[in-house]
Amino acid sequence: MAHFDETGIRVESKTWWLHTACTSTLTAYLAHPVRGSGAMDEFGILPTFRGAAVHDGWRPYDYYGLTHARCNAHHLRELVALEKLNKAVHKARDAGRSAIPRRFRSH
């Protein structure tokens, strides 16, 4: 099992992406100007990895024939957002409205 992630960093005033691959004993890093599968391919770990890949569910991870597992921190974040949405739906319904506030529609 390995954990994979990417996060934005600044390199010479531009946004780059720090790609990481971690096991319980090793961590690999690659700074790259691209976030997607092109950078992941260049990193060279995901194309040959055969274990369970724990990640945030970002779509480019699906391009690799892996066993996938979602990161629990992301599950929790999504559950909190769903709880807020659920409360907004109930509040709108109780107020007789037919729609929830716009800020909840993109979640």
PDB file of N, CA and C in Angstrom:
ATOM      1  N   MET A   1       0.848  -1.171   0.000  1.00  0.00           N
ATOM      2  CA  MET A   1       0.000   0.000   0.000  1.00  0.00           C
ATOM      3  C   MET A   1       0.893   1.234   0.000  1.00  0.00           C
ATOM      4  N   ALA A   2       0.461   2.238  -0.755  1.00  0.00           N
ATOM      5  CA  ALA A   2       1.171   3.513  -0.795  1.00  0.00           C
ATOM      6  C   ALA A   2       0.144   4.634  -0.884  1.00  0.00           C
ATOM      7  N   HIS A   3       0.534   5.783  -0.385  1.00  0.00           N
ATOM      8  CA  HIS A   3      -0.315   6.970  -0.403  1.00  0.00           C
ATOM      9  C   HIS A   3       0.226   7.923  -1.462  1.00  0.00           C
ATOM     10  N   PHE A   4      -0.683   8.488  -2.251  1.00  0.00           N
ATOM     11  CA  PHE A   4      -0.306   9.402  -3.322  1.00  0.00           C
ATOM     12  C   PHE A   4      -1.061  10.710  -3.151  1.00  0.00           C
ATOM     13  N   ASP A   5      -0.380  11.817  -3.419  1.00  0.00           N
ATOM     14  CA  ASP A   5      -1.031  13.117  -3.306  1.00  0.00           C
ATOM     15  C   ASP A   5      -0.270  14.125  -4.145  1.00  0.00           C
ATOM     16  N   GLU A   6      -0.883  15.267  -4.338  1.00  0.00           N
ATOM     17  CA  GLU A   6      -0.253  16.390  -5.024  1.00  0.00           C
ATOM     18  C   GLU A   6      -0.778  17.662  -4.380  1.00  0.00           C
ATOM     19  N   THR A   7       0.107  18.626  -4.247  1.00  0.00           N
ATOM     20  CA  THR A   7      -0.292  19.895  -3.642  1.00  0.00           C
ATOM     21  C   THR A   7       0.448  21.024  -4.336  1.00  0.00           C
ATOM     22  N   GLY A   8      -0.189  22.174  -4.413  1.00  0.00           N
ATOM     23  CA  GLY A   8       0.415  23.320  -5.080  1.00  0.00           C
ATOM     24  C   GLY A   8       1.565  23.912  -4.291  1.00  0.00           C
ATOM     25  N   ILE A   9       2.621  24.293  -5.015  1.00  0.00           N
ATOM     26  CA  ILE A   9       3.773  24.978  -4.423  1.00  0.00           C
ATOM     27  C   ILE A   9       4.147  26.133  -5.351  1.00  0.00           C
ATOM     28  N   ARG A  10       4.927  27.059  -4.846  1.00  0.00           N
ATOM     29  CA  ARG A  10       5.396  28.173  -5.669  1.00  0.00           C
ATOM     30  C   ARG A  10       6.850  27.926  -6.069  1.00  0.00           C
ATOM     31  N   VAL A  11       7.121  28.013  -7.365  1.00  0.00           N
ATOM     32  CA  VAL A  11       8.469  27.887  -7.914  1.00  0.00           C
ATOM     33  C   VAL A  11       8.684  29.086  -8.814  1.00  0.00           C
ATOM     34  N   GLU A  12       9.627  29.947  -8.433  1.00  0.00           N
ATOM     35  CA  GLU A  12       9.913  31.168  -9.190  1.00  0.00           C
ATOM     36  C   GLU A  12       8.629  31.933  -9.541  1.00  0.00           C
ATOM     37  N   SER A  13       7.793  32.142  -8.536  1.00  0.00           N
ATOM     38  CA  SER A  13       6.540  32.904  -8.628  1.00  0.00           C
ATOM     39  C   SER A  13       5.466  32.239  -9.493  1.00  0.00           C
ATOM     40  N   LYS A  14       5.632  30.966  -9.783  1.00  0.00           N
ATOM     41  CA  LYS A  14       4.620  30.237 -10.560  1.00  0.00           C
ATOM     42  C   LYS A  14       4.120  29.050  -9.755  1.00  0.00           C
ATOM     43  N   THR A  15       2.883  28.633 -10.038  1.00  0.00           N
ATOM     44  CA  THR A  15       2.331  27.463  -9.361  1.00  0.00           C
ATOM     45  C   THR A  15       2.847  26.192 -10.021  1.00  0.00           C
ATOM     46  N   TRP A  16       3.469  25.356  -9.228  1.00  0.00           N
ATOM     47  CA  TRP A  16       3.889  24.016  -9.628  1.00  0.00           C
ATOM     48  C   TRP A  16       3.153  23.056  -8.704  1.00  0.00           C
ATOM     49  N   TRP A  17       3.389  21.762  -8.904  1.00  0.00           N
ATOM     50  CA  TRP A  17       2.730  20.741  -8.101  1.00  0.00           C
ATOM     51  C   TRP A  17       3.772  19.818  -7.503  1.00  0.00           C
ATOM     52  N   LEU A  18       3.651  19.595  -6.208  1.00  0.00           N
ATOM     53  CA  LEU A  18       4.534  18.659  -5.515  1.00  0.00           C
ATOM     54  C   LEU A  18       3.786  17.335  -5.419  1.00  0.00           C
ATOM     55  N   HIS A  19       4.228  16.364  -6.192  1.00  0.00           N
ATOM     56  CA  HIS A  19       3.639  15.023  -6.191  1.00  0.00           C
ATOM     57  C   HIS A  19       4.383  14.184  -5.162  1.00  0.00           C
ATOM     58  N   THR A  20       3.645  13.416  -4.387  1.00  0.00           N
ATOM     59  CA  THR A  20       4.268  12.560  -3.380  1.00  0.00           C
ATOM     60  C   THR A  20       3.745  11.136  -3.506  1.00  0.00           C
ATOM     61  N   ALA A  21       4.617  10.207  -3.154  1.00  0.00           N
ATOM     62  CA  ALA A  21       4.263   8.789  -3.048  1.00  0.00           C
ATOM     63  C   ALA A  21       4.910   8.314  -1.753  1.00  0.00           C
ATOM     64  N   CYS A  22       4.114   7.759  -0.835  1.00  0.00           N
ATOM     65  CA  CYS A  22       4.616   7.406   0.494  1.00  0.00           C
ATOM     66  C   CYS A  22       4.226   5.986   0.879  1.00  0.00           C
ATOM     67  N   THR A  23       5.167   5.279   1.464  1.00  0.00           N
ATOM     68  CA  THR A  23       4.869   4.011   2.133  1.00  0.00           C
ATOM     69  C   THR A  23       5.165   4.247   3.608  1.00  0.00           C
ATOM     70  N   SER A  24       5.102   3.198   4.409  1.00  0.00           N
ATOM     71  CA  SER A  24       5.391   3.366   5.839  1.00  0.00           C
ATOM     72  C   SER A  24       6.866   3.670   6.090  1.00  0.00           C
ATOM     73  N   THR A  25       7.732   3.430   5.104  1.00  0.00           N
ATOM     74  CA  THR A  25       9.168   3.640   5.318  1.00  0.00           C
ATOM     75  C   THR A  25       9.829   4.588   4.328  1.00  0.00           C
ATOM     76  N   LEU A  26       9.177   4.887   3.218  1.00  0.00           N
ATOM     77  CA  LEU A  26       9.797   5.722   2.186  1.00  0.00           C
ATOM     78  C   LEU A  26       8.832   6.787   1.688  1.00  0.00           C
ATOM     79  N   THR A  27       9.380   7.933   1.287  1.00  0.00           N
ATOM     80  CA  THR A  27       8.594   8.989   0.656  1.00  0.00           C
ATOM     81  C   THR A  27       9.373   9.504  -0.547  1.00  0.00           C
ATOM     82  N   ALA A  28       8.689   9.613  -1.681  1.00  0.00           N
ATOM     83  CA  ALA A  28       9.293  10.169  -2.891  1.00  0.00           C
ATOM     84  C   ALA A  28       8.562  11.459  -3.236  1.00  0.00           C
ATOM     85  N   TYR A  29       9.314  12.438  -3.725  1.00  0.00           N
ATOM     86  CA  TYR A  29       8.757  13.736  -4.095  1.00  0.00           C
ATOM     87  C   TYR A  29       9.135  14.073  -5.530  1.00  0.00           C
ATOM     88  N   LEU A  30       8.245  14.734  -6.239  1.00  0.00           N
ATOM     89  CA  LEU A  30       8.558  15.273  -7.557  1.00  0.00           C
ATOM     90  C   LEU A  30       7.852  16.612  -7.695  1.00  0.00           C
ATOM     91  N   ALA A  31       8.620  17.666  -7.876  1.00  0.00           N
ATOM     92  CA  ALA A  31       8.042  18.978  -8.182  1.00  0.00           C
ATOM     93  C   ALA A  31       7.900  19.064  -9.695  1.00  0.00           C
ATOM     94  N   HIS A  32       6.717  19.468 -10.149  1.00  0.00           N
ATOM     95  CA  HIS A  32       6.436  19.456 -11.590  1.00  0.00           C
ATOM     96  C   HIS A  32       5.486  20.598 -11.925  1.00  0.00           C
ATOM     97  N   PRO A  33       5.633  21.212 -13.112  1.00  0.00           N
ATOM     98  CA  PRO A  33       4.732  22.312 -13.468  1.00  0.00           C
ATOM     99  C   PRO A  33       3.317  21.853 -13.813  1.00  0.00           C
ATOM    100  N   VAL A  34       3.090  20.547 -13.950  1.00  0.00           N
ATOM    101  CA  VAL A  34       1.789  19.996 -14.317  1.00  0.00           C
ATOM    102  C   VAL A  34       1.256  19.151 -13.178  1.00  0.00           C
ATOM    103  N   ARG A  35      -0.058  19.190 -12.970  1.00  0.00           N
ATOM    104  CA  ARG A  35      -0.664  18.413 -11.896  1.00  0.00           C
ATOM    105  C   ARG A  35      -1.087  17.015 -12.337  1.00  0.00           C
ATOM    106  N   GLY A  36      -1.442  16.815 -13.575  1.00  0.00           N
ATOM    107  CA  GLY A  36      -2.115  15.616 -14.051  1.00  0.00           C
ATOM    108  C   GLY A  36      -1.259  14.401 -14.309  1.00  0.00           C
ATOM    109  N   SER A  37      -1.829  13.491 -15.117  1.00  0.00           N
ATOM    110  CA  SER A  37      -1.208  12.190 -15.342  1.00  0.00           C
ATOM    111  C   SER A  37       0.128  12.284 -16.070  1.00  0.00           C
ATOM    112  N   GLY A  38       0.355  13.342 -16.840  1.00  0.00           N
ATOM    113  CA  GLY A  38       1.662  13.509 -17.484  1.00  0.00           C
ATOM    114  C   GLY A  38       2.779  13.587 -16.451  1.00  0.00           C
ATOM    115  N   ALA A  39       2.535  14.345 -15.393  1.00  0.00           N
ATOM    116  CA  ALA A  39       3.525  14.440 -14.309  1.00  0.00           C
ATOM    117  C   ALA A  39       3.622  13.120 -13.565  1.00  0.00           C
ATOM    118  N   MET A  40       2.474  12.472 -13.345  1.00  0.00           N
ATOM    119  CA  MET A  40       2.485  11.184 -12.651  1.00  0.00           C
ATOM    120  C   MET A  40       3.265  10.141 -13.443  1.00  0.00           C
ATOM    121  N   ASP A  41       3.108  10.164 -14.767  1.00  0.00           N
ATOM    122  CA  ASP A  41       3.876   9.247 -15.616  1.00  0.00           C
ATOM    123  C   ASP A  41       5.367   9.535 -15.519  1.00  0.00           C
ATOM    124  N   GLU A  42       5.724  10.823 -15.551  1.00  0.00           N
ATOM    125  CA  GLU A  42       7.131  11.204 -15.453  1.00  0.00           C
ATOM    126  C   GLU A  42       7.715  10.817 -14.091  1.00  0.00           C
ATOM    127  N   PHE A  43       6.920  10.932 -13.052  1.00  0.00           N
ATOM    128  CA  PHE A  43       7.328  10.529 -11.704  1.00  0.00           C
ATOM    129  C   PHE A  43       7.746   9.059 -11.718  1.00  0.00           C
ATOM    130  N   GLY A  44       7.017   8.251 -12.503  1.00  0.00           N
ATOM    131  CA  GLY A  44       7.420   6.875 -12.745  1.00  0.00           C
ATOM    132  C   GLY A  44       6.975   5.841 -11.730  1.00  0.00           C
ATOM    133  N   ILE A  45       6.225   6.235 -10.713  1.00  0.00           N
ATOM    134  CA  ILE A  45       5.823   5.269  -9.683  1.00  0.00           C
ATOM    135  C   ILE A  45       4.460   4.674  -9.995  1.00  0.00           C
ATOM    136  N   LEU A  46       3.477   5.501 -10.246  1.00  0.00           N
ATOM    137  CA  LEU A  46       2.122   5.000 -10.501  1.00  0.00           C
ATOM    138  C   LEU A  46       2.021   4.063 -11.714  1.00  0.00           C
ATOM    139  N   PRO A  47       2.722   4.330 -12.821  1.00  0.00           N
ATOM    140  CA  PRO A  47       2.583   3.431 -13.971  1.00  0.00           C
ATOM    141  C   PRO A  47       3.015   1.986 -13.696  1.00  0.00           C
ATOM    142  N   THR A  48       3.877   1.775 -12.715  1.00  0.00           N
ATOM    143  CA  THR A  48       4.358   0.418 -12.424  1.00  0.00           C
ATOM    144  C   THR A  48       3.916  -0.098 -11.062  1.00  0.00           C
ATOM    145  N   PHE A  49       3.216   0.726 -10.298  1.00  0.00           N
ATOM    146  CA  PHE A  49       2.797   0.339  -8.949  1.00  0.00           C
ATOM    147  C   PHE A  49       1.705  -0.722  -9.021  1.00  0.00           C
ATOM    148  N   ARG A  50       1.787  -1.733  -8.161  1.00  0.00           N
ATOM    149  CA  ARG A  50       0.817  -2.832  -8.195  1.00  0.00           C
ATOM    150  C   ARG A  50       0.102  -3.065  -6.873  1.00  0.00           C
ATOM    151  N   GLY A  51       0.281  -2.208  -5.889  1.00  0.00           N
ATOM    152  CA  GLY A  51      -0.399  -2.370  -4.606  1.00  0.00           C
ATOM    153  C   GLY A  51      -1.678  -1.555  -4.548  1.00  0.00           C
ATOM    154  N   ALA A  52      -2.159  -1.340  -3.336  1.00  0.00           N
ATOM    155  CA  ALA A  52      -3.331  -0.480  -3.115  1.00  0.00           C
ATOM    156  C   ALA A  52      -2.868   0.968  -3.042  1.00  0.00           C
ATOM    157  N   ALA A  53      -3.469   1.804  -3.855  1.00  0.00           N
ATOM    158  CA  ALA A  53      -3.119   3.221  -3.903  1.00  0.00           C
ATOM    159  C   ALA A  53      -4.150   4.020  -3.116  1.00  0.00           C
ATOM    160  N   VAL A  54      -3.716   4.640  -2.040  1.00  0.00           N
ATOM    161  CA  VAL A  54      -4.584   5.486  -1.228  1.00  0.00           C
ATOM    162  C   VAL A  54      -4.420   6.914  -1.745  1.00  0.00           C
ATOM    163  N   HIS A  55      -5.547   7.542  -2.098  1.00  0.00           N
ATOM    164  CA  HIS A  55      -5.484   8.892  -2.658  1.00  0.00           C
ATOM    165  C   HIS A  55      -6.806   9.608  -2.427  1.00  0.00           C
ATOM    166  N   ASP A  56      -6.882  10.824  -2.931  1.00  0.00           N
ATOM    167  CA  ASP A  56      -8.058  11.674  -2.691  1.00  0.00           C
ATOM    168  C   ASP A  56      -9.201  11.466  -3.680  1.00  0.00           C
ATOM    169  N   GLY A  57      -9.060  10.521  -4.591  1.00  0.00           N
ATOM    170  CA  GLY A  57     -10.122  10.282  -5.551  1.00  0.00           C
ATOM    171  C   GLY A  57     -10.087  11.197  -6.756  1.00  0.00           C
ATOM    172  N   TRP A  58      -9.003  11.959  -6.912  1.00  0.00           N
ATOM    173  CA  TRP A  58      -8.876  12.839  -8.067  1.00  0.00           C
ATOM    174  C   TRP A  58      -8.838  11.977  -9.328  1.00  0.00           C
ATOM    175  N   ARG A  59      -9.584  12.356 -10.345  1.00  0.00           N
ATOM    176  CA  ARG A  59      -9.826  11.542 -11.528  1.00  0.00           C
ATOM    177  C   ARG A  59      -8.581  10.962 -12.215  1.00  0.00           C
ATOM    178  N   PRO A  60      -7.462  11.677 -12.374  1.00  0.00           N
ATOM    179  CA  PRO A  60      -6.308  11.076 -13.050  1.00  0.00           C
ATOM    180  C   PRO A  60      -5.783   9.792 -12.400  1.00  0.00           C
ATOM    181  N   TYR A  61      -6.035   9.597 -11.117  1.00  0.00           N
ATOM    182  CA  TYR A  61      -5.604   8.339 -10.496  1.00  0.00           C
ATOM    183  C   TYR A  61      -6.345   7.146 -11.104  1.00  0.00           C
ATOM    184  N   ASP A  62      -7.543   7.371 -11.627  1.00  0.00           N
ATOM    185  CA  ASP A  62      -8.329   6.295 -12.214  1.00  0.00           C
ATOM    186  C   ASP A  62      -7.702   5.729 -13.482  1.00  0.00           C
ATOM    187  N   TYR A  63      -6.779   6.463 -14.112  1.00  0.00           N
ATOM    188  CA  TYR A  63      -6.162   6.006 -15.355  1.00  0.00           C
ATOM    189  C   TYR A  63      -5.173   4.870 -15.137  1.00  0.00           C
ATOM    190  N   TYR A  64      -4.837   4.623 -13.893  1.00  0.00           N
ATOM    191  CA  TYR A  64      -3.865   3.573 -13.585  1.00  0.00           C
ATOM    192  C   TYR A  64      -4.610   2.349 -13.066  1.00  0.00           C
ATOM    193  N   GLY A  65      -4.247   1.182 -13.558  1.00  0.00           N
ATOM    194  CA  GLY A  65      -4.922  -0.055 -13.175  1.00  0.00           C
ATOM    195  C   GLY A  65      -4.524  -0.495 -11.786  1.00  0.00           C
ATOM    196  N   LEU A  66      -5.061   0.167 -10.812  1.00  0.00           N
ATOM    197  CA  LEU A  66      -4.683  -0.053  -9.427  1.00  0.00           C
ATOM    198  C   LEU A  66      -5.858  -0.542  -8.597  1.00  0.00           C
ATOM    199  N   THR A  67      -5.544  -1.030  -7.422  1.00  0.00           N
ATOM    200  CA  THR A  67      -6.543  -1.177  -6.376  1.00  0.00           C
ATOM    201  C   THR A  67      -6.590   0.182  -5.685  1.00  0.00           C
ATOM    202  N   HIS A  68      -7.758   0.808  -5.663  1.00  0.00           N
ATOM    203  CA  HIS A  68      -7.878   2.163  -5.126  1.00  0.00           C
ATOM    204  C   HIS A  68      -8.501   2.161  -3.739  1.00  0.00           C
ATOM    205  N   ALA A  69      -8.025   3.073  -2.901  1.00  0.00           N
ATOM    206  CA  ALA A  69      -8.613   3.322  -1.591  1.00  0.00           C
ATOM    207  C   ALA A  69      -8.659   4.828  -1.402  1.00  0.00           C
ATOM    208  N   ARG A  70      -9.754   5.327  -0.881  1.00  0.00           N
ATOM    209  CA  ARG A  70      -9.883   6.766  -0.654  1.00  0.00           C
ATOM    210  C   ARG A  70      -9.295   7.134   0.700  1.00  0.00           C
ATOM    211  N   CYS A  71      -8.683   8.288   0.757  1.00  0.00           N
ATOM    212  CA  CYS A  71      -8.116   8.838   1.985  1.00  0.00           C
ATOM    213  C   CYS A  71      -9.258   9.235   2.924  1.00  0.00           C
ATOM    214  N   ASN A  72      -9.185   8.808   4.175  1.00  0.00           N
ATOM    215  CA  ASN A  72     -10.253   9.105   5.135  1.00  0.00           C
ATOM    216  C   ASN A  72     -10.420  10.594   5.410  1.00  0.00           C
ATOM    217  N   ALA A  73      -9.345  11.356   5.345  1.00  0.00           N
ATOM    218  CA  ALA A  73      -9.476  12.806   5.546  1.00  0.00           C
ATOM    219  C   ALA A  73     -10.402  13.404   4.485  1.00  0.00           C
ATOM    220  N   HIS A  74     -10.331  12.881   3.264  1.00  0.00           N
ATOM    221  CA  HIS A  74     -11.209  13.362   2.208  1.00  0.00           C
ATOM    222  C   HIS A  74     -12.640  12.881   2.413  1.00  0.00           C
ATOM    223  N   HIS A  75     -12.804  11.656   2.895  1.00  0.00           N
ATOM    224  CA  HIS A  75     -14.148  11.179   3.232  1.00  0.00           C
ATOM    225  C   HIS A  75     -14.783  12.106   4.270  1.00  0.00           C
ATOM    226  N   LEU A  76     -14.028  12.443   5.309  1.00  0.00           N
ATOM    227  CA  LEU A  76     -14.565  13.305   6.369  1.00  0.00           C
ATOM    228  C   LEU A  76     -14.931  14.677   5.834  1.00  0.00           C
ATOM    229  N   ARG A  77     -14.084  15.252   4.995  1.00  0.00           N
ATOM    230  CA  ARG A  77     -14.360  16.564   4.408  1.00  0.00           C
ATOM    231  C   ARG A  77     -15.650  16.518   3.590  1.00  0.00           C
ATOM    232  N   GLU A  78     -15.827  15.455   2.811  1.00  0.00           N
ATOM    233  CA  GLU A  78     -17.035  15.332   2.004  1.00  0.00           C
ATOM    234  C   GLU A  78     -18.276  15.121   2.869  1.00  0.00           C
ATOM    235  N   LEU A  79     -18.131  14.366   3.957  1.00  0.00           N
ATOM    236  CA  LEU A  79     -19.265  14.163   4.857  1.00  0.00           C
ATOM    237  C   LEU A  79     -19.681  15.462   5.539  1.00  0.00           C
ATOM    238  N   VAL A  80     -18.714  16.280   5.924  1.00  0.00           N
ATOM    239  CA  VAL A  80     -19.031  17.581   6.528  1.00  0.00           C
ATOM    240  C   VAL A  80     -19.788  18.444   5.516  1.00  0.00           C
ATOM    241  N   ALA A  81     -19.334  18.435   4.254  1.00  0.00           N
ATOM    242  CA  ALA A  81     -20.026  19.212   3.218  1.00  0.00           C
ATOM    243  C   ALA A  81     -21.445  18.691   3.008  1.00  0.00           C
ATOM    244  N   LEU A  82     -21.613  17.379   3.027  1.00  0.00           N
ATOM    245  CA  LEU A  82     -22.958  16.805   2.865  1.00  0.00           C
ATOM    246  C   LEU A  82     -23.858  17.147   4.040  1.00  0.00           C
ATOM    247  N   GLU A  83     -23.296  17.191   5.225  1.00  0.00           N
ATOM    248  CA  GLU A  83     -24.084  17.575   6.397  1.00  0.00           C
ATOM    249  C   GLU A  83     -24.583  19.016   6.250  1.00  0.00           C
ATOM    250  N   LYS A  84     -23.713  19.908   5.791  1.00  0.00           N
ATOM    251  CA  LYS A  84     -24.125  21.305   5.572  1.00  0.00           C
ATOM    252  C   LYS A  84     -25.196  21.399   4.496  1.00  0.00           C
ATOM    253  N   LEU A  85     -25.032  20.612   3.437  1.00  0.00           N
ATOM    254  CA  LEU A  85     -26.029  20.600   2.375  1.00  0.00           C
ATOM    255  C   LEU A  85     -27.366  20.082   2.894  1.00  0.00           C
ATOM    256  N   ASN A  86     -27.324  19.029   3.669  1.00  0.00           N
ATOM    257  CA  ASN A  86     -28.548  18.461   4.230  1.00  0.00           C
ATOM    258  C   ASN A  86     -29.271  19.482   5.105  1.00  0.00           C
ATOM    259  N   LYS A  87     -28.524  20.194   5.934  1.00  0.00           N
ATOM    260  CA  LYS A  87     -29.130  21.226   6.776  1.00  0.00           C
ATOM    261  C   LYS A  87     -29.744  22.336   5.932  1.00  0.00           C
ATOM    262  N   ALA A  88     -29.049  22.713   4.837  1.00  0.00           N
ATOM    263  CA  ALA A  88     -29.574  23.766   3.965  1.00  0.00           C
ATOM    264  C   ALA A  88     -30.872  23.322   3.289  1.00  0.00           C
ATOM    265  N   VAL A  89     -30.933  22.055   2.885  1.00  0.00           N
ATOM    266  CA  VAL A  89     -32.145  21.523   2.259  1.00  0.00           C
ATOM    267  C   VAL A  89     -33.303  21.558   3.246  1.00  0.00           C
ATOM    268  N   HIS A  90     -33.077  21.100   4.462  1.00  0.00           N
ATOM    269  CA  HIS A  90     -34.144  21.099   5.467  1.00  0.00           C
ATOM    270  C   HIS A  90     -34.589  22.520   5.819  1.00  0.00           C
ATOM    271  N   LYS A  91     -33.631  23.424   5.928  1.00  0.00           N
ATOM    272  CA  LYS A  91     -33.968  24.803   6.251  1.00  0.00           C
ATOM    273  C   LYS A  91     -34.795  25.437   5.129  1.00  0.00           C
ATOM    274  N   ALA A  92     -34.384  25.189   3.871  1.00  0.00           N
ATOM    275  CA  ALA A  92     -35.141  25.732   2.735  1.00  0.00           C
ATOM    276  C   ALA A  92     -36.548  25.135   2.689  1.00  0.00           C
ATOM    277  N   ARG A  93     -36.650  23.841   2.895  1.00  0.00           N
ATOM    278  CA  ARG A  93     -37.965  23.184   2.876  1.00  0.00           C
ATOM    279  C   ARG A  93     -38.859  23.730   3.981  1.00  0.00           C
ATOM    280  N   ASP A  94     -38.297  23.856   5.182  1.00  0.00           N
ATOM    281  CA  ASP A  94     -39.084  24.351   6.313  1.00  0.00           C
ATOM    282  C   ASP A  94     -39.535  25.798   6.114  1.00  0.00           C
ATOM    283  N   ALA A  95     -38.766  26.560   5.317  1.00  0.00           N
ATOM    284  CA  ALA A  95     -39.132  27.957   5.039  1.00  0.00           C
ATOM    285  C   ALA A  95     -40.047  28.061   3.814  1.00  0.00           C
ATOM    286  N   GLY A  96     -40.397  26.902   3.228  1.00  0.00           N
ATOM    287  CA  GLY A  96     -41.300  26.919   2.085  1.00  0.00           C
ATOM    288  C   GLY A  96     -40.629  27.261   0.766  1.00  0.00           C
ATOM    289  N   ARG A  97     -39.311  27.258   0.715  1.00  0.00           N
ATOM    290  CA  ARG A  97     -38.601  27.559  -0.535  1.00  0.00           C
ATOM    291  C   ARG A  97     -38.473  26.293  -1.378  1.00  0.00           C
ATOM    292  N   SER A  98     -38.353  26.480  -2.673  1.00  0.00           N
ATOM    293  CA  SER A  98     -38.224  25.330  -3.586  1.00  0.00           C
ATOM    294  C   SER A  98     -36.778  25.078  -3.994  1.00  0.00           C
ATOM    295  N   ALA A  99     -35.857  25.891  -3.500  1.00  0.00           N
ATOM    296  CA  ALA A  99     -34.436  25.711  -3.837  1.00  0.00           C
ATOM    297  C   ALA A  99     -33.583  26.100  -2.640  1.00  0.00           C
ATOM    298  N   ILE A 100     -32.385  25.545  -2.608  1.00  0.00           N
ATOM    299  CA  ILE A 100     -31.429  25.907  -1.558  1.00  0.00           C
ATOM    300  C   ILE A 100     -30.603  27.098  -2.031  1.00  0.00           C
ATOM    301  N   PRO A 101     -29.933  27.805  -1.115  1.00  0.00           N
ATOM    302  CA  PRO A 101     -29.097  28.943  -1.527  1.00  0.00           C
ATOM    303  C   PRO A 101     -28.023  28.508  -2.540  1.00  0.00           C
ATOM    304  N   ARG A 102     -27.713  29.385  -3.452  1.00  0.00           N
ATOM    305  CA  ARG A 102     -26.768  29.115  -4.534  1.00  0.00           C
ATOM    306  C   ARG A 102     -25.415  28.591  -4.032  1.00  0.00           C
ATOM    307  N   ARG A 103     -24.923  29.064  -2.908  1.00  0.00           N
ATOM    308  CA  ARG A 103     -23.598  28.666  -2.425  1.00  0.00           C
ATOM    309  C   ARG A 103     -23.501  27.164  -2.127  1.00  0.00           C
ATOM    310  N   PHE A 104     -24.630  26.492  -1.975  1.00  0.00           N
ATOM    311  CA  PHE A 104     -24.620  25.055  -1.705  1.00  0.00           C
ATOM    312  C   PHE A 104     -24.766  24.219  -2.980  1.00  0.00           C
ATOM    313  N   ARG A 105     -25.077  24.842  -4.089  1.00  0.00           N
ATOM    314  CA  ARG A 105     -25.378  24.070  -5.300  1.00  0.00           C
ATOM    315  C   ARG A 105     -24.160  23.512  -5.988  1.00  0.00           C
ATOM    316  N   SER A 106     -22.990  24.043  -5.774  1.00  0.00           N
ATOM    317  CA  SER A 106     -21.785  23.565  -6.470  1.00  0.00           C
ATOM    318  C   SER A 106     -21.073  22.471  -5.693  1.00  0.00           C
ATOM    319  N   HIS A 107     -21.535  22.088  -4.530  1.00  0.00           N
ATOM    320  CA  HIS A 107     -20.849  21.089  -3.701  1.00  0.00           C
ATOM    321  C   HIS A 107     -21.287  19.711  -4.041  1.00  0.00           C
TER     322      HIS A 107
END
